[in-house]
């Protein structure tokens, strides 16, 4: 075992950390296959970056909406506590960015 594996195993043996990253079945859930709102956010963000005018403005609005929908889904249905916190963090940052 390498030192990094030992450190991860020791960290993971802490029950609080284990529960933070695990779903109800005990599986570690940090990343998953992207769902529809996340794919829409990526697509709209790319369109907004590489176009201009009304298309870029509408794509930017749609990307914000898509990422907020994704964040809401993570907050409500996130597989682990980490995913719920991630959704909350993203929602707060997007709203903060929109208000500033």
Protein backbone atom coordinates (compact mmCIF):
# COMPACT_ATOMS: atom_id res chain seq x y z
CA UNK A 1 0.00 0.00 0.00
CA UNK A 2 1.20 3.49 -0.85
CA UNK A 3 1.16 6.32 1.67
CA UNK A 4 -1.70 8.05 -0.14
CA UNK A 5 -3.82 4.89 0.01
CA UNK A 6 -3.14 4.56 3.71
CA UNK A 7 -4.16 8.19 4.30
CA UNK A 8 -7.39 7.71 2.32
CA UNK A 9 -8.17 4.47 4.14
CA UNK A 10 -7.58 6.11 7.52
CA UNK A 11 -9.74 9.07 6.54
CA UNK A 12 -12.48 6.82 5.21
CA UNK A 13 -12.47 4.73 8.39
CA UNK A 14 -13.82 7.79 10.21
CA UNK A 15 -17.57 7.07 10.36
CA UNK A 16 -18.62 10.70 9.88
CA UNK A 17 -16.57 11.01 6.69
CA UNK A 18 -17.88 7.65 5.49
CA UNK A 19 -21.50 8.72 5.94
CA UNK A 20 -20.86 12.09 4.27
CA UNK A 21 -19.78 10.45 1.00
CA UNK A 22 -21.93 7.28 1.10
CA UNK A 23 -25.46 6.67 -0.10
CA UNK A 24 -28.09 4.69 1.80
CA UNK A 25 -26.54 1.42 0.54
CA UNK A 26 -23.09 2.33 1.84
CA UNK A 27 -21.61 2.97 -1.62
CA UNK A 28 -19.32 5.98 -1.99
CA UNK A 29 -21.03 8.48 -4.28
CA UNK A 30 -18.97 11.50 -5.27
CA UNK A 31 -19.56 11.70 -9.02
CA UNK A 32 -22.22 10.25 -11.24
CA UNK A 33 -23.06 10.23 -14.93
CA UNK A 34 -24.35 13.72 -15.83
CA UNK A 35 -28.11 14.10 -15.92
CA UNK A 36 -30.14 16.20 -18.38
CA UNK A 37 -29.94 19.58 -16.56
CA UNK A 38 -26.16 19.24 -16.22
CA UNK A 39 -25.77 18.36 -19.90
CA UNK A 40 -28.00 21.33 -20.81
CA UNK A 41 -25.89 23.61 -18.60
CA UNK A 42 -22.67 22.47 -20.31
CA UNK A 43 -24.16 22.90 -23.79
CA UNK A 44 -25.69 26.32 -23.08
CA UNK A 45 -22.50 27.55 -21.41
CA UNK A 46 -20.47 26.57 -24.47
CA UNK A 47 -22.98 28.24 -26.80
CA UNK A 48 -22.93 31.40 -24.67
CA UNK A 49 -19.11 31.47 -24.71
CA UNK A 50 -18.68 31.02 -28.45
CA UNK A 51 -21.54 33.15 -29.78
CA UNK A 52 -22.59 36.75 -29.36
CA UNK A 53 -25.70 38.90 -29.29
CA UNK A 54 -29.14 37.53 -28.47
CA UNK A 55 -28.07 33.92 -28.88
CA UNK A 56 -25.35 34.30 -26.24
CA UNK A 57 -27.72 36.14 -23.89
CA UNK A 58 -30.47 33.51 -24.17
CA UNK A 59 -27.98 30.66 -23.85
CA UNK A 60 -26.59 32.29 -20.70
CA UNK A 61 -30.07 32.57 -19.19
CA UNK A 62 -30.83 28.95 -20.07
CA UNK A 63 -27.50 27.77 -18.63
CA UNK A 64 -28.25 29.53 -15.34
CA UNK A 65 -31.69 27.94 -15.22
CA UNK A 66 -30.30 24.49 -16.02
CA UNK A 67 -27.63 24.63 -13.32
CA UNK A 68 -30.19 25.85 -10.77
CA UNK A 69 -32.47 22.94 -11.68
CA UNK A 70 -29.52 20.56 -11.30
CA UNK A 71 -28.64 22.09 -7.93
CA UNK A 72 -32.25 21.78 -6.76
CA UNK A 73 -32.37 18.14 -7.79
CA UNK A 74 -29.13 17.47 -5.91
CA UNK A 75 -30.42 19.24 -2.80
CA UNK A 76 -33.64 17.21 -2.77
CA UNK A 77 -32.55 13.87 -4.27
CA UNK A 78 -28.76 13.80 -3.86
CA UNK A 79 -27.46 10.28 -3.28
CA UNK A 80 -25.12 11.33 -0.46
CA UNK A 81 -24.80 14.20 1.96
CA UNK A 82 -21.82 15.41 -0.09
CA UNK A 83 -24.00 15.66 -3.22
CA UNK A 84 -26.64 17.62 -1.26
CA UNK A 85 -24.04 20.04 0.04
CA UNK A 86 -22.62 20.36 -3.47
CA UNK A 87 -26.07 21.26 -4.83
CA UNK A 88 -26.54 23.81 -2.05
CA UNK A 89 -23.13 25.36 -2.67
CA UNK A 90 -23.71 25.63 -6.42
CA UNK A 91 -27.16 27.17 -5.91
CA UNK A 92 -25.82 29.76 -3.46
CA UNK A 93 -22.92 30.66 -5.75
CA UNK A 94 -25.12 31.01 -8.84
CA UNK A 95 -27.64 33.18 -6.99
CA UNK A 96 -24.83 35.27 -5.47
CA UNK A 97 -23.29 35.73 -8.92
CA UNK A 98 -26.63 36.76 -10.40
CA UNK A 99 -27.22 39.32 -7.65
CA UNK A 100 -23.78 40.92 -7.81
